[in-house]
């Protein structure tokens, strides 16, 4: 595209009332992700990047991160209310992860639109205790910033977000916490199961992998 207005013209954005309603529906997700987004934003402070949280469809719910790249993020529509689903904007980390439900990095020219060829984006799906997609956590930076380490940080943050979602969903249920290694037990990779009497009603991603 010749200018940013052409790109932003293709992006759908919720008006204030619609965004407020969407945030209310995903209050638990936003609350569960808030601290992790702040920590990631601090990690990115010296690397020029932003942390993005979206709903399951790819609409931005929250953004964290100050600095030079935040201006570029504004220019590209990486802000609250914008729709970054693959259907709306084509290949990008947020939209593709929402569709494929797998962690990945989209770098430079791998983005569909040429105005995004100057950025690197990594995203990880957030899975709720019912096994459904709760949202997507994304880190977007300048192309100069490598994402090998950032993707690992994202995965770790998502595990913690999923744990908090689990605790919010089942505050008073009987819960079983376990790990295959006694030396690793007690960390963010513990399996979590929730029971209503003798009926299993919830499991986190780590539990499903361990089982």
Protein backbone atom coordinates (compact mmCIF):
# COMPACT_ATOMS: atom_id res chain seq x y z
CA UNK A 1 0.00 0.00 0.00
CA UNK A 2 1.18 3.49 -0.80
CA UNK A 3 0.20 4.91 2.60
CA UNK A 4 -1.05 3.88 6.01
CA UNK A 5 -4.56 5.18 5.34
CA UNK A 6 -5.06 2.44 2.75
CA UNK A 7 -4.17 -0.26 5.29
CA UNK A 8 -6.22 1.23 8.11
CA UNK A 9 -9.12 1.61 5.71
CA UNK A 10 -9.19 -2.17 5.32
CA UNK A 11 -9.05 -2.83 9.06
CA UNK A 12 -12.32 -3.13 10.95
CA UNK A 13 -12.41 -1.34 14.30
CA UNK A 14 -15.06 -1.51 16.97
CA UNK A 15 -16.59 1.76 18.09
CA UNK A 16 -16.35 2.66 21.77
CA UNK A 17 -19.59 0.97 22.88
CA UNK A 18 -18.78 -2.22 20.98
CA UNK A 19 -15.26 -2.38 22.42
CA UNK A 20 -16.55 -1.81 25.93
CA UNK A 21 -19.05 -4.65 25.51
CA UNK A 22 -16.35 -6.96 24.12
CA UNK A 23 -14.06 -6.19 27.06
CA UNK A 24 -16.85 -6.95 29.50
CA UNK A 25 -17.40 -10.36 27.88
CA UNK A 26 -13.69 -11.15 28.16
CA UNK A 27 -13.11 -9.59 31.57
CA UNK A 28 -11.64 -12.81 33.03
CA UNK A 29 -9.14 -13.10 30.18
CA UNK A 30 -8.06 -9.46 30.44
CA UNK A 31 -7.66 -9.77 34.20
CA UNK A 32 -5.71 -13.03 33.93
CA UNK A 33 -3.34 -11.57 31.33
CA UNK A 34 -2.77 -8.12 32.87
CA UNK A 35 0.29 -8.88 35.03
CA UNK A 36 1.97 -11.02 32.39
CA UNK A 37 1.49 -8.29 29.78
CA UNK A 38 3.12 -5.74 32.10
CA UNK A 39 6.10 -8.05 32.67
CA UNK A 40 6.50 -8.72 28.94
CA UNK A 41 6.19 -5.00 28.26
CA UNK A 42 9.03 -4.36 30.68
CA UNK A 43 11.14 -7.03 28.96
CA UNK A 44 10.50 -5.29 25.64
CA UNK A 45 11.26 -1.79 26.89
CA UNK A 46 14.82 -1.93 25.59
CA UNK A 47 13.89 -3.76 22.37
CA UNK A 48 11.08 -1.56 21.01
CA UNK A 49 7.95 -3.68 20.93
CA UNK A 50 4.37 -4.05 22.13
CA UNK A 51 2.37 -6.86 23.74
CA UNK A 52 -1.09 -7.47 22.29
CA UNK A 53 -4.01 -9.45 23.78
CA UNK A 54 -6.92 -10.37 21.52
CA UNK A 55 -10.21 -12.22 21.81
CA UNK A 56 -10.56 -15.63 20.06
CA UNK A 57 -11.45 -13.97 16.76
CA UNK A 58 -8.40 -11.68 16.71
CA UNK A 59 -9.89 -8.37 17.89
CA UNK A 60 -7.42 -6.46 20.07
CA UNK A 61 -8.56 -6.21 23.71
CA UNK A 62 -5.47 -4.66 25.28
CA UNK A 63 -1.97 -3.45 24.48
CA UNK A 64 1.07 -3.01 26.68
CA UNK A 65 4.42 -1.41 25.94
CA UNK A 66 5.77 2.09 25.61
CA UNK A 67 8.62 3.47 23.58
CA UNK A 68 9.45 4.19 19.99
CA UNK A 69 7.65 1.17 18.52
CA UNK A 70 4.33 2.14 20.08
CA UNK A 71 4.11 4.95 17.51
CA UNK A 72 4.58 2.43 14.69
CA UNK A 73 2.02 0.13 16.33
CA UNK A 74 -0.49 2.98 16.24
CA UNK A 75 0.25 3.55 12.58
CA UNK A 76 -0.33 -0.10 11.75
CA UNK A 77 -3.56 -0.43 13.71
CA UNK A 78 -2.10 -2.64 16.44
CA UNK A 79 -4.44 -1.09 18.97
CA UNK A 80 -7.61 -1.82 20.93
CA UNK A 81 -10.66 -2.60 18.86
CA UNK A 82 -8.90 -3.42 15.60
CA UNK A 83 -9.69 -6.76 13.94
CA UNK A 84 -6.53 -8.74 13.10
CA UNK A 85 -8.26 -11.95 12.10
CA UNK A 86 -6.89 -13.67 9.01
CA UNK A 87 -10.26 -13.18 7.35
CA UNK A 88 -10.05 -9.42 7.87
CA UNK A 89 -6.37 -8.72 7.16
CA UNK A 90 -4.73 -11.86 5.76
CA UNK A 91 -1.59 -13.60 7.01
CA UNK A 92 -0.39 -12.21 10.34
CA UNK A 93 0.67 -13.76 13.64
CA UNK A 94 -2.53 -12.94 15.56
CA UNK A 95 -4.98 -14.04 12.89
CA UNK A 96 -3.08 -17.15 11.84
CA UNK A 97 -2.63 -18.32 15.44
CA UNK A 98 -6.34 -17.75 16.12
CA UNK A 99 -7.10 -19.95 13.13
CA UNK A 100 -4.45 -22.66 13.56
CA UNK A 101 -4.23 -22.65 17.39
CA UNK A 102 -0.47 -23.09 17.34
CA UNK A 103 2.38 -20.78 18.34
CA UNK A 104 4.27 -19.13 15.49
CA UNK A 105 6.26 -16.14 14.26
CA UNK A 106 5.41 -14.11 11.15
CA UNK A 107 8.43 -12.15 10.02
CA UNK A 108 8.72 -9.25 7.62
CA UNK A 109 7.55 -10.11 4.12
CA UNK A 110 5.64 -13.16 5.41
CA UNK A 111 2.90 -10.68 6.30
CA UNK A 112 0.31 -10.29 3.57
CA UNK A 113 0.44 -6.49 3.46
CA UNK A 114 3.64 -4.71 2.49
CA UNK A 115 3.38 -2.08 5.24
CA UNK A 116 4.00 -4.89 7.73
CA UNK A 117 7.26 -6.05 6.16
CA UNK A 118 9.22 -3.94 8.67
CA UNK A 119 7.97 -5.85 11.73
CA UNK A 120 8.31 -9.24 13.41
CA UNK A 121 5.29 -10.70 15.22
CA UNK A 122 5.05 -13.79 17.42
CA UNK A 123 1.84 -15.11 18.94
CA UNK A 124 0.66 -17.98 21.15
CA UNK A 125 -2.92 -19.26 21.61
CA UNK A 126 -4.48 -19.07 25.07
CA UNK A 127 -6.57 -22.18 25.80
CA UNK A 128 -9.29 -22.11 28.47
CA UNK A 129 -10.02 -25.00 30.91
CA UNK A 130 -12.67 -26.36 28.53
CA UNK A 131 -10.14 -26.71 25.72
CA UNK A 132 -11.56 -23.74 23.81
CA UNK A 133 -9.55 -20.85 22.40
CA UNK A 134 -9.78 -18.00 24.93
CA UNK A 135 -7.62 -15.52 23.03
CA UNK A 136 -4.20 -14.81 21.56
CA UNK A 137 -1.12 -13.21 23.13
CA UNK A 138 1.17 -11.46 20.63
CA UNK A 139 4.47 -9.61 20.70
CA UNK A 140 5.20 -7.27 17.79
CA UNK A 141 8.55 -5.57 17.31
CA UNK A 142 10.71 -3.96 14.68
CA UNK A 143 12.25 -6.32 12.16
CA UNK A 144 15.65 -5.85 13.82
CA UNK A 145 14.52 -7.70 16.96
CA UNK A 146 14.98 -11.48 16.92
CA UNK A 147 12.04 -13.55 18.20
CA UNK A 148 13.58 -16.89 19.21
CA UNK A 149 13.74 -15.87 22.87
CA UNK A 150 10.55 -13.80 22.71
CA UNK A 151 8.48 -16.77 21.56
CA UNK A 152 9.72 -18.76 24.56
CA UNK A 153 8.80 -15.89 26.88
CA UNK A 154 5.35 -15.74 25.30
CA UNK A 155 4.78 -19.46 25.82
CA UNK A 156 5.73 -19.13 29.49
CA UNK A 157 3.43 -16.15 29.95
CA UNK A 158 0.53 -18.00 28.34
CA UNK A 159 0.97 -20.95 30.72
CA UNK A 160 0.60 -18.55 33.64
CA UNK A 161 -2.43 -16.87 32.05
CA UNK A 162 -4.05 -20.27 31.52
CA UNK A 163 -3.40 -21.16 35.17
CA UNK A 164 -5.12 -17.96 36.30
CA UNK A 165 -8.07 -18.62 33.99
CA UNK A 166 -8.35 -22.08 35.55
CA UNK A 167 -8.36 -20.69 39.08
CA UNK A 168 -11.01 -18.10 38.15
CA UNK A 169 -13.21 -20.71 36.49
CA UNK A 170 -13.04 -23.18 39.40
CA UNK A 171 -12.49 -21.21 42.63
CA UNK A 172 -14.38 -23.65 44.89
CA UNK A 173 -14.07 -26.96 43.04
CA UNK A 174 -11.95 -29.85 44.22
CA UNK A 175 -8.67 -29.56 42.31
CA UNK A 176 -5.85 -31.98 41.62
CA UNK A 177 -2.38 -30.65 40.84
CA UNK A 178 0.28 -33.01 39.52
CA UNK A 179 3.43 -33.42 37.44
CA UNK A 180 5.34 -36.36 36.02
CA UNK A 181 8.49 -35.24 37.87
CA UNK A 182 8.72 -34.60 41.61
CA UNK A 183 11.55 -32.16 40.89
CA UNK A 184 9.41 -30.03 38.56
CA UNK A 185 6.23 -30.14 40.64
CA UNK A 186 5.05 -26.77 41.90
CA UNK A 187 5.75 -24.74 38.75
CA UNK A 188 3.73 -23.28 35.90
CA UNK A 189 3.85 -26.59 34.01
CA UNK A 190 1.87 -28.50 36.63
CA UNK A 191 -1.21 -30.31 35.42
CA UNK A 192 -4.47 -29.03 36.89
CA UNK A 193 -7.77 -30.93 37.02
CA UNK A 194 -11.06 -29.67 38.50
CA UNK A 195 -13.83 -31.96 39.78
CA UNK A 196 -17.50 -31.51 40.62
CA UNK A 197 -17.95 -34.42 43.02
CA UNK A 198 -16.62 -37.34 40.96
CA UNK A 199 -17.08 -35.63 37.58
CA UNK A 200 -14.11 -34.07 35.78
CA UNK A 201 -15.16 -30.57 34.68
CA UNK A 202 -11.90 -28.85 33.73
CA UNK A 203 -8.30 -29.45 32.74
CA UNK A 204 -5.45 -27.17 31.77
CA UNK A 205 -3.20 -27.69 28.76
CA UNK A 206 -0.38 -29.14 30.90
CA UNK A 207 -2.74 -31.75 32.38
CA UNK A 208 -3.86 -32.90 28.97
CA UNK A 209 -0.24 -33.20 27.81
CA UNK A 210 0.82 -35.09 30.94
CA UNK A 211 -2.13 -37.47 30.82
